[in-house]
PDB file of all heavy atoms in Angstrom:
ATOM      1  N   LYS A   1     125.047 101.970  -8.072  1.00  0.00           N
ATOM      2  CA  LYS A   1     125.713 102.417  -9.352  1.00  0.00           C
ATOM      3  C   LYS A   1     125.876 103.912  -9.376  1.00  0.00           C
ATOM      4  O   LYS A   1     127.014 104.371  -9.871  1.00  0.00           O
ATOM      5  CB  LYS A   1     124.778 102.101 -10.488  1.00  0.00           C
ATOM      6  CG  LYS A   1     125.305 102.374 -11.896  1.00  0.00           C
ATOM      7  CD  LYS A   1     124.310 101.945 -12.889  1.00  0.00           C
ATOM      8  CE  LYS A   1     124.211 100.504 -13.070  1.00  0.00           C
ATOM      9  NZ  LYS A   1     123.277 100.109 -14.324  1.00  0.00           N
ATOM     10  N   ILE A   2     125.023 104.713  -8.760  1.00  0.00           N
ATOM     11  CA  ILE A   2     125.271 106.135  -8.697  1.00  0.00           C
ATOM     12  C   ILE A   2     126.475 106.525  -7.944  1.00  0.00           C
ATOM     13  O   ILE A   2     127.249 107.391  -8.270  1.00  0.00           O
ATOM     14  CB  ILE A   2     123.976 106.866  -8.106  1.00  0.00           C
ATOM     15  CG1 ILE A   2     122.827 106.725  -9.219  1.00  0.00           C
ATOM     16  CG2 ILE A   2     124.243 108.277  -7.735  1.00  0.00           C
ATOM     17  CD1 ILE A   2     121.490 107.228  -8.594  1.00  0.00           C
ATOM     18  N   LEU A   3     126.544 105.787  -6.683  1.00  0.00           N
ATOM     19  CA  LEU A   3     127.716 106.120  -5.851  1.00  0.00           C
ATOM     20  C   LEU A   3     128.998 105.817  -6.483  1.00  0.00           C
ATOM     21  O   LEU A   3     129.936 106.584  -6.377  1.00  0.00           O
ATOM     22  CB  LEU A   3     127.576 105.356  -4.464  1.00  0.00           C
ATOM     23  CG  LEU A   3     128.712 105.630  -3.498  1.00  0.00           C
ATOM     24  CD1 LEU A   3     128.914 107.083  -3.181  1.00  0.00           C
ATOM     25  CD2 LEU A   3     128.515 104.783  -2.230  1.00  0.00           C
ATOM     26  N   LYS A   4     129.116 104.707  -7.189  1.00  0.00           N
ATOM     27  CA  LYS A   4     130.345 104.247  -7.806  1.00  0.00           C
ATOM     28  C   LYS A   4     130.639 105.297  -8.948  1.00  0.00           C
ATOM     29  O   LYS A   4     131.824 105.729  -9.081  1.00  0.00           O
ATOM     30  CB  LYS A   4     130.082 102.856  -8.386  1.00  0.00           C
ATOM     31  CG  LYS A   4     130.337 101.743  -7.434  1.00  0.00           C
ATOM     32  CD  LYS A   4     130.381 100.380  -8.031  1.00  0.00           C
ATOM     33  CE  LYS A   4     128.893  99.850  -8.310  1.00  0.00           C
ATOM     34  NZ  LYS A   4     128.878  98.493  -8.607  1.00  0.00           N
ATOM     35  N   THR A   5     129.678 105.685  -9.649  1.00  0.00           N
ATOM     36  CA  THR A   5     129.920 106.733 -10.778  1.00  0.00           C
ATOM     37  C   THR A   5     130.480 108.014 -10.123  1.00  0.00           C
ATOM     38  O   THR A   5     131.401 108.598 -10.745  1.00  0.00           O
ATOM     39  CB  THR A   5     128.608 107.016 -11.479  1.00  0.00           C
ATOM     40  OG1 THR A   5     128.206 105.779 -12.089  1.00  0.00           O
ATOM     41  CG2 THR A   5     128.827 107.988 -12.628  1.00  0.00           C
ATOM     42  N   ARG A   6     129.859 108.421  -9.068  1.00  0.00           N
ATOM     43  CA  ARG A   6     130.290 109.707  -8.454  1.00  0.00           C
ATOM     44  C   ARG A   6     131.671 109.612  -7.854  1.00  0.00           C
ATOM     45  O   ARG A   6     132.496 110.540  -8.035  1.00  0.00           O
ATOM     46  CB  ARG A   6     129.283 110.096  -7.328  1.00  0.00           C
ATOM     47  CG  ARG A   6     127.875 110.501  -7.740  1.00  0.00           C
ATOM     48  CD  ARG A   6     127.891 111.918  -8.397  1.00  0.00           C
ATOM     49  NE  ARG A   6     128.442 112.900  -7.564  1.00  0.00           N
ATOM     50  CZ  ARG A   6     127.893 113.509  -6.595  1.00  0.00           C
ATOM     51  NH1 ARG A   6     126.628 113.251  -6.293  1.00  0.00           N
ATOM     52  NH2 ARG A   6     128.497 114.425  -5.876  1.00  0.00           N
ATOM     53  N   LEU A   7     132.059 108.421  -7.213  1.00  0.00           N
ATOM     54  CA  LEU A   7     133.357 108.283  -6.612  1.00  0.00           C
ATOM     55  C   LEU A   7     134.423 108.205  -7.778  1.00  0.00           C
ATOM     56  O   LEU A   7     135.540 108.726  -7.598  1.00  0.00           O
ATOM     57  CB  LEU A   7     133.427 107.045  -5.719  1.00  0.00           C
ATOM     58  CG  LEU A   7     132.660 107.114  -4.402  1.00  0.00           C
ATOM     59  CD1 LEU A   7     132.594 105.753  -3.731  1.00  0.00           C
ATOM     60  CD2 LEU A   7     133.136 108.147  -3.517  1.00  0.00           C
ATOM     61  N   LYS A   8     134.055 107.455  -8.819  1.00  0.00           N
ATOM     62  CA  LYS A   8     135.042 107.453 -10.007  1.00  0.00           C
ATOM     63  C   LYS A   8     135.284 108.817 -10.487  1.00  0.00           C
ATOM     64  O   LYS A   8     136.356 109.121 -11.018  1.00  0.00           O
ATOM     65  CB  LYS A   8     134.348 106.539 -10.909  1.00  0.00           C
ATOM     66  CG  LYS A   8     134.484 105.020 -10.710  1.00  0.00           C
ATOM     67  CD  LYS A   8     133.846 104.244 -11.763  1.00  0.00           C
ATOM     68  CE  LYS A   8     133.860 102.696 -11.453  1.00  0.00           C
ATOM     69  NZ  LYS A   8     133.246 101.888 -12.544  1.00  0.00           N
ATOM     70  N   ALA A   9     134.240 109.680 -10.569  1.00  0.00           N
ATOM     71  CA  ALA A   9     134.379 110.930 -11.227  1.00  0.00           C
ATOM     72  C   ALA A   9     135.377 111.839 -10.468  1.00  0.00           C
ATOM     73  O   ALA A   9     135.919 112.704 -11.145  1.00  0.00           O
ATOM     74  CB  ALA A   9     132.997 111.669 -11.176  1.00  0.00           C
ATOM     75  N   VAL A  10     135.569 111.653  -9.217  1.00  0.00           N
ATOM     76  CA  VAL A  10     136.598 112.362  -8.507  1.00  0.00           C
ATOM     77  C   VAL A  10     137.922 111.637  -8.374  1.00  0.00           C
ATOM     78  O   VAL A  10     138.779 112.032  -7.642  1.00  0.00           O
ATOM     79  CB  VAL A  10     136.100 112.885  -7.107  1.00  0.00           C
ATOM     80  CG1 VAL A  10     134.958 113.837  -7.247  1.00  0.00           C
ATOM     81  CG2 VAL A  10     135.705 111.699  -6.320  1.00  0.00           C
ATOM     82  N   GLY A  11     138.034 110.483  -9.133  1.00  0.00           N
ATOM     83  CA  GLY A  11     139.300 109.743  -9.211  1.00  0.00           C
ATOM     84  C   GLY A  11     139.630 108.880  -8.054  1.00  0.00           C
ATOM     85  O   GLY A  11     140.813 108.563  -7.850  1.00  0.00           O
ATOM     86  N   LEU A  12     138.634 108.536  -7.224  1.00  0.00           N
ATOM     87  CA  LEU A  12     138.963 107.679  -6.051  1.00  0.00           C
ATOM     88  C   LEU A  12     139.191 106.188  -6.575  1.00  0.00           C
ATOM     89  O   LEU A  12     138.545 105.774  -7.442  1.00  0.00           O
ATOM     90  CB  LEU A  12     137.863 107.737  -5.071  1.00  0.00           C
ATOM     91  CG  LEU A  12     137.737 109.037  -4.399  1.00  0.00           C
ATOM     92  CD1 LEU A  12     136.796 108.926  -3.081  1.00  0.00           C
ATOM     93  CD2 LEU A  12     138.977 109.623  -4.023  1.00  0.00           C
ATOM     94  N   PRO A  13     140.188 105.506  -5.884  1.00  0.00           N
ATOM     95  CA  PRO A  13     140.650 104.183  -6.372  1.00  0.00           C
ATOM     96  C   PRO A  13     139.642 103.078  -5.882  1.00  0.00           C
ATOM     97  O   PRO A  13     139.946 102.253  -4.959  1.00  0.00           O
ATOM     98  CB  PRO A  13     141.957 103.978  -5.862  1.00  0.00           C
ATOM     99  CG  PRO A  13     141.951 104.782  -4.552  1.00  0.00           C
ATOM    100  CD  PRO A  13     141.130 106.003  -4.905  1.00  0.00           C
ATOM    101  N   LEU A  14     138.510 102.891  -6.440  1.00  0.00           N
ATOM    102  CA  LEU A  14     137.505 101.901  -5.954  1.00  0.00           C
ATOM    103  C   LEU A  14     137.579 100.720  -6.910  1.00  0.00           C
ATOM    104  O   LEU A  14     138.060 100.740  -8.008  1.00  0.00           O
ATOM    105  CB  LEU A  14     136.061 102.523  -5.980  1.00  0.00           C
ATOM    106  CG  LEU A  14     135.458 103.015  -7.233  1.00  0.00           C
ATOM    107  CD1 LEU A  14     134.668 101.841  -7.832  1.00  0.00           C
ATOM    108  CD2 LEU A  14     134.560 104.113  -7.029  1.00  0.00           C
ATOM    109  N   ILE A  15     137.144  99.625  -6.305  1.00  0.00           N
ATOM    110  CA  ILE A  15     136.975  98.356  -7.078  1.00  0.00           C
ATOM    111  C   ILE A  15     135.532  98.200  -7.442  1.00  0.00           C
ATOM    112  O   ILE A  15     134.718  98.225  -6.531  1.00  0.00           O
ATOM    113  CB  ILE A  15     137.499  97.181  -6.204  1.00  0.00           C
ATOM    114  CG1 ILE A  15     138.927  97.369  -5.847  1.00  0.00           C
ATOM    115  CG2 ILE A  15     137.318  95.848  -6.993  1.00  0.00           C
ATOM    116  CD1 ILE A  15     139.405  96.276  -4.840  1.00  0.00           C
ATOM    117  N   ASP A  16     135.243  97.927  -8.741  1.00  0.00           N
ATOM    118  CA  ASP A  16     133.943  97.808  -9.295  1.00  0.00           C
ATOM    119  C   ASP A  16     133.756  96.506 -10.019  1.00  0.00           C
ATOM    120  O   ASP A  16     134.232  96.461 -11.130  1.00  0.00           O
ATOM    121  CB  ASP A  16     133.590  99.050 -10.132  1.00  0.00           C
ATOM    122  CG  ASP A  16     132.076  99.015 -10.622  1.00  0.00           C
ATOM    123  OD1 ASP A  16     131.342  98.092 -10.187  1.00  0.00           O
ATOM    124  OD2 ASP A  16     131.666  99.823 -11.404  1.00  0.00           O
ATOM    125  N   HIS A  17     133.029  95.597  -9.398  1.00  0.00           N
ATOM    126  CA  HIS A  17     132.756  94.321 -10.099  1.00  0.00           C
ATOM    127  C   HIS A  17     131.362  94.195 -10.453  1.00  0.00           C
ATOM    128  O   HIS A  17     130.944  93.142 -10.731  1.00  0.00           O
ATOM    129  CB  HIS A  17     133.205  93.164  -9.236  1.00  0.00           C
ATOM    130  CG  HIS A  17     134.743  92.902  -9.027  1.00  0.00           C
ATOM    131  ND1 HIS A  17     135.493  92.445 -10.152  1.00  0.00           N
ATOM    132  CD2 HIS A  17     135.612  93.191  -8.117  1.00  0.00           C
ATOM    133  CE1 HIS A  17     136.737  92.326  -9.788  1.00  0.00           C
ATOM    134  NE2 HIS A  17     136.875  92.749  -8.520  1.00  0.00           N
ATOM    135  N   GLY A  18     130.690  95.306 -10.260  1.00  0.00           N
ATOM    136  CA  GLY A  18     129.183  95.323 -10.609  1.00  0.00           C
ATOM    137  C   GLY A  18     128.272  94.912  -9.484  1.00  0.00           C
ATOM    138  O   GLY A  18     127.077  94.828  -9.767  1.00  0.00           O
ATOM    139  N   SER A  19     128.697  94.633  -8.311  1.00  0.00           N
ATOM    140  CA  SER A  19     127.867  94.361  -7.204  1.00  0.00           C
ATOM    141  C   SER A  19     127.537  95.565  -6.381  1.00  0.00           C
ATOM    142  O   SER A  19     127.969  96.741  -6.801  1.00  0.00           O
ATOM    143  CB  SER A  19     128.457  93.281  -6.379  1.00  0.00           C
ATOM    144  OG  SER A  19     129.488  93.896  -5.485  1.00  0.00           O
ATOM    145  N   HIS A  20     126.839  95.395  -5.375  1.00  0.00           N
ATOM    146  CA  HIS A  20     126.481  96.523  -4.467  1.00  0.00           C
ATOM    147  C   HIS A  20     127.499  96.872  -3.470  1.00  0.00           C
ATOM    148  O   HIS A  20     127.446  97.860  -2.746  1.00  0.00           O
ATOM    149  CB  HIS A  20     125.160  96.119  -3.655  1.00  0.00           C
ATOM    150  CG  HIS A  20     125.411  94.965  -2.773  1.00  0.00           C
ATOM    151  ND1 HIS A  20     125.418  93.652  -3.202  1.00  0.00           N
ATOM    152  CD2 HIS A  20     125.577  94.809  -1.450  1.00  0.00           C
ATOM    153  CE1 HIS A  20     125.729  92.819  -2.250  1.00  0.00           C
ATOM    154  NE2 HIS A  20     125.760  93.464  -1.104  1.00  0.00           N
ATOM    155  N   ILE A  21     128.570  96.133  -3.372  1.00  0.00           N
ATOM    156  CA  ILE A  21     129.742  96.394  -2.428  1.00  0.00           C
ATOM    157  C   ILE A  21     130.718  97.294  -3.044  1.00  0.00           C
ATOM    158  O   ILE A  21     131.229  96.890  -4.226  1.00  0.00           O
ATOM    159  CB  ILE A  21     130.353  95.006  -1.954  1.00  0.00           C
ATOM    160  CG1 ILE A  21     129.246  94.281  -1.182  1.00  0.00           C
ATOM    161  CG2 ILE A  21     131.541  95.296  -1.145  1.00  0.00           C
ATOM    162  CD1 ILE A  21     129.735  92.779  -0.882  1.00  0.00           C
ATOM    163  N   ILE A  22     131.133  98.353  -2.376  1.00  0.00           N
ATOM    164  CA  ILE A  22     132.035  99.354  -2.999  1.00  0.00           C
ATOM    165  C   ILE A  22     133.219  99.554  -2.136  1.00  0.00           C
ATOM    166  O   ILE A  22     133.198 100.373  -1.160  1.00  0.00           O
ATOM    167  CB  ILE A  22     131.284 100.737  -3.169  1.00  0.00           C
ATOM    168  CG1 ILE A  22     129.980 100.541  -4.021  1.00  0.00           C
ATOM    169  CG2 ILE A  22     132.154 101.729  -3.896  1.00  0.00           C
ATOM    170  CD1 ILE A  22     129.129 101.657  -4.145  1.00  0.00           C
ATOM    171  N   PRO A  23     134.316  98.887  -2.398  1.00  0.00           N
ATOM    172  CA  PRO A  23     135.573  99.123  -1.669  1.00  0.00           C
ATOM    173  C   PRO A  23     136.342 100.290  -2.254  1.00  0.00           C
ATOM    174  O   PRO A  23     136.598 100.266  -3.481  1.00  0.00           O
ATOM    175  CB  PRO A  23     136.326  97.803  -1.790  1.00  0.00           C
ATOM    176  CG  PRO A  23     135.426  96.892  -2.591  1.00  0.00           C
ATOM    177  CD  PRO A  23     134.413  97.770  -3.273  1.00  0.00           C
ATOM    178  N   VAL A  24     136.870 101.133  -1.409  1.00  0.00           N
ATOM    179  CA  VAL A  24     137.792 102.247  -1.881  1.00  0.00           C
ATOM    180  C   VAL A  24     139.077 101.945  -1.131  1.00  0.00           C
ATOM    181  O   VAL A  24     139.275 101.857   0.052  1.00  0.00           O
ATOM    182  CB  VAL A  24     137.237 103.630  -1.365  1.00  0.00           C
ATOM    183  CG1 VAL A  24     138.256 104.670  -1.794  1.00  0.00           C
ATOM    184  CG2 VAL A  24     135.829 103.900  -2.097  1.00  0.00           C
ATOM    185  N   LEU A  25     140.083 101.670  -2.022  1.00  0.00           N
ATOM    186  CA  LEU A  25     141.401 101.245  -1.543  1.00  0.00           C
ATOM    187  C   LEU A  25     142.203 102.338  -0.983  1.00  0.00           C
ATOM    188  O   LEU A  25     142.253 103.522  -1.547  1.00  0.00           O
ATOM    189  CB  LEU A  25     142.116 100.675  -2.772  1.00  0.00           C
ATOM    190  CG  LEU A  25     141.547  99.349  -3.274  1.00  0.00           C
ATOM    191  CD1 LEU A  25     142.440  98.822  -4.489  1.00  0.00           C
ATOM    192  CD2 LEU A  25     141.499  98.214  -2.222  1.00  0.00           C
ATOM    193  N   VAL A  26     142.731 102.128   0.157  1.00  0.00           N
ATOM    194  CA  VAL A  26     143.602 103.090   0.883  1.00  0.00           C
ATOM    195  C   VAL A  26     145.064 102.521   0.870  1.00  0.00           C
ATOM    196  O   VAL A  26     146.004 103.211   0.621  1.00  0.00           O
ATOM    197  CB  VAL A  26     143.162 103.305   2.317  1.00  0.00           C
ATOM    198  CG1 VAL A  26     144.057 104.326   3.054  1.00  0.00           C
ATOM    199  CG2 VAL A  26     141.706 103.840   2.306  1.00  0.00           C
ATOM    200  N   GLY A  27     145.188 101.282   1.234  1.00  0.00           N
ATOM    201  CA  GLY A  27     146.585 100.602   1.050  1.00  0.00           C
ATOM    202  C   GLY A  27     147.452 100.754   2.257  1.00  0.00           C
ATOM    203  O   GLY A  27     148.592 100.300   2.274  1.00  0.00           O
ATOM    204  N   ASP A  28     146.881 101.247   3.395  1.00  0.00           N
ATOM    205  CA  ASP A  28     147.683 101.426   4.562  1.00  0.00           C
ATOM    206  C   ASP A  28     146.767 101.414   5.745  1.00  0.00           C
ATOM    207  O   ASP A  28     145.795 102.149   5.765  1.00  0.00           O
ATOM    208  CB  ASP A  28     148.573 102.768   4.583  1.00  0.00           C
ATOM    209  CG  ASP A  28     149.282 103.010   5.832  1.00  0.00           C
ATOM    210  OD1 ASP A  28     150.427 102.476   5.820  1.00  0.00           O
ATOM    211  OD2 ASP A  28     148.743 103.597   6.749  1.00  0.00           O
ATOM    212  N   PRO A  29     146.993 100.574   6.713  1.00  0.00           N
ATOM    213  CA  PRO A  29     146.083 100.437   7.935  1.00  0.00           C
ATOM    214  C   PRO A  29     145.897 101.783   8.742  1.00  0.00           C
ATOM    215  O   PRO A  29     144.839 101.994   9.202  1.00  0.00           O
ATOM    216  CB  PRO A  29     146.655  99.336   8.774  1.00  0.00           C
ATOM    217  CG  PRO A  29     148.127  99.348   8.348  1.00  0.00           C
ATOM    218  CD  PRO A  29     148.166  99.679   6.947  1.00  0.00           C
ATOM    219  N   ILE A  30     147.041 102.488   8.895  1.00  0.00           N
ATOM    220  CA  ILE A  30     146.960 103.644   9.781  1.00  0.00           C
ATOM    221  C   ILE A  30     146.189 104.777   8.996  1.00  0.00           C
ATOM    222  O   ILE A  30     145.350 105.526   9.603  1.00  0.00           O
ATOM    223  CB  ILE A  30     148.414 104.183  10.123  1.00  0.00           C
ATOM    224  CG1 ILE A  30     149.116 103.072  10.968  1.00  0.00           C
ATOM    225  CG2 ILE A  30     148.363 105.473  10.762  1.00  0.00           C
ATOM    226  CD1 ILE A  30     150.505 103.383  11.301  1.00  0.00           C
ATOM    227  N   HIS A  31     146.366 104.852   7.674  1.00  0.00           N
ATOM    228  CA  HIS A  31     145.696 105.830   6.891  1.00  0.00           C
ATOM    229  C   HIS A  31     144.231 105.514   6.870  1.00  0.00           C
ATOM    230  O   HIS A  31     143.389 106.379   6.857  1.00  0.00           O
ATOM    231  CB  HIS A  31     146.246 105.939   5.494  1.00  0.00           C
ATOM    232  CG  HIS A  31     147.592 106.672   5.441  1.00  0.00           C
ATOM    233  ND1 HIS A  31     148.327 106.536   4.308  1.00  0.00           N
ATOM    234  CD2 HIS A  31     148.085 107.480   6.305  1.00  0.00           C
ATOM    235  CE1 HIS A  31     149.488 107.336   4.565  1.00  0.00           C
ATOM    236  NE2 HIS A  31     149.358 107.903   5.606  1.00  0.00           N
ATOM    237  N   ALA A  32     143.862 104.164   6.683  1.00  0.00           N
ATOM    238  CA  ALA A  32     142.467 103.791   6.660  1.00  0.00           C
ATOM    239  C   ALA A  32     141.797 104.091   7.826  1.00  0.00           C
ATOM    240  O   ALA A  32     140.603 104.600   7.920  1.00  0.00           O
ATOM    241  CB  ALA A  32     142.401 102.280   6.329  1.00  0.00           C
ATOM    242  N   LYS A  33     142.465 103.899   9.019  1.00  0.00           N
ATOM    243  CA  LYS A  33     141.820 104.109  10.301  1.00  0.00           C
ATOM    244  C   LYS A  33     141.662 105.628  10.569  1.00  0.00           C
ATOM    245  O   LYS A  33     140.607 106.160  10.998  1.00  0.00           O
ATOM    246  CB  LYS A  33     142.759 103.635  11.468  1.00  0.00           C
ATOM    247  CG  LYS A  33     142.104 103.656  12.851  1.00  0.00           C
ATOM    248  CD  LYS A  33     142.958 102.895  13.862  1.00  0.00           C
ATOM    249  CE  LYS A  33     142.268 102.775  15.168  1.00  0.00           C
ATOM    250  NZ  LYS A  33     142.011 104.011  15.904  1.00  0.00           N
ATOM    251  N   LYS A  34     142.591 106.475  10.120  1.00  0.00           N
ATOM    252  CA  LYS A  34     142.615 107.873  10.303  1.00  0.00           C
ATOM    253  C   LYS A  34     141.442 108.515   9.436  1.00  0.00           C
ATOM    254  O   LYS A  34     140.656 109.410   9.903  1.00  0.00           O
ATOM    255  CB  LYS A  34     143.855 108.586   9.910  1.00  0.00           C
ATOM    256  CG  LYS A  34     143.885 110.024  10.045  1.00  0.00           C
ATOM    257  CD  LYS A  34     143.600 110.550  11.490  1.00  0.00           C
ATOM    258  CE  LYS A  34     144.682 110.081  12.478  1.00  0.00           C
ATOM    259  NZ  LYS A  34     144.339 110.689  13.843  1.00  0.00           N
ATOM    260  N   LEU A  35     141.331 108.031   8.207  1.00  0.00           N
ATOM    261  CA  LEU A  35     140.184 108.430   7.322  1.00  0.00           C
ATOM    262  C   LEU A  35     138.858 108.103   7.987  1.00  0.00           C
ATOM    263  O   LEU A  35     137.949 108.996   7.957  1.00  0.00           O
ATOM    264  CB  LEU A  35     140.321 107.803   5.955  1.00  0.00           C
ATOM    265  CG  LEU A  35     141.280 108.341   4.935  1.00  0.00           C
ATOM    266  CD1 LEU A  35     141.460 107.403   3.755  1.00  0.00           C
ATOM    267  CD2 LEU A  35     140.841 109.705   4.523  1.00  0.00           C
ATOM    268  N   SER A  36     138.674 106.904   8.504  1.00  0.00           N
ATOM    269  CA  SER A  36     137.436 106.572   9.094  1.00  0.00           C
ATOM    270  C   SER A  36     137.205 107.442  10.306  1.00  0.00           C
ATOM    271  O   SER A  36     135.977 107.916  10.522  1.00  0.00           O
ATOM    272  CB  SER A  36     137.543 105.087   9.596  1.00  0.00           C
ATOM    273  OG  SER A  36     136.445 104.773  10.422  1.00  0.00           O
ATOM    274  N   GLU A  37     138.157 107.727  11.041  1.00  0.00           N
ATOM    275  CA  GLU A  37     138.015 108.648  12.288  1.00  0.00           C
ATOM    276  C   GLU A  37     137.491 110.052  11.880  1.00  0.00           C
ATOM    277  O   GLU A  37     136.605 110.651  12.468  1.00  0.00           O
ATOM    278  CB  GLU A  37     139.208 108.655  13.123  1.00  0.00           C
ATOM    279  CG  GLU A  37     139.470 107.258  13.825  1.00  0.00           C
ATOM    280  CD  GLU A  37     140.845 107.270  14.421  1.00  0.00           C
ATOM    281  OE1 GLU A  37     141.704 108.148  14.288  1.00  0.00           O
ATOM    282  OE2 GLU A  37     141.206 106.324  15.275  1.00  0.00           O
ATOM    283  N   ARG A  38     138.210 110.503  10.926  1.00  0.00           N
ATOM    284  CA  ARG A  38     137.899 111.876  10.424  1.00  0.00           C
ATOM    285  C   ARG A  38     136.455 112.011   9.733  1.00  0.00           C
ATOM    286  O   ARG A  38     135.756 113.026   9.962  1.00  0.00           O
ATOM    287  CB  ARG A  38     138.975 112.468   9.542  1.00  0.00           C
ATOM    288  CG  ARG A  38     140.250 112.724  10.277  1.00  0.00           C
ATOM    289  CD  ARG A  38     141.292 113.481   9.363  1.00  0.00           C
ATOM    290  NE  ARG A  38     140.768 114.827   9.082  1.00  0.00           N
ATOM    291  CZ  ARG A  38     141.436 115.635   8.372  1.00  0.00           C
ATOM    292  NH1 ARG A  38     142.566 115.358   7.803  1.00  0.00           N
ATOM    293  NH2 ARG A  38     140.832 116.887   8.169  1.00  0.00           N
TER     294      ARG A  38
END
């Protein structure tokens, strides 16, 4: 819950259904891979 609140506070596009899993949407495979690498 704390992490979701903090990520939302900086405007990141996460999906929150109330569970412990926190997906942050990127929408592009190359960008997602580059973010992970950095």
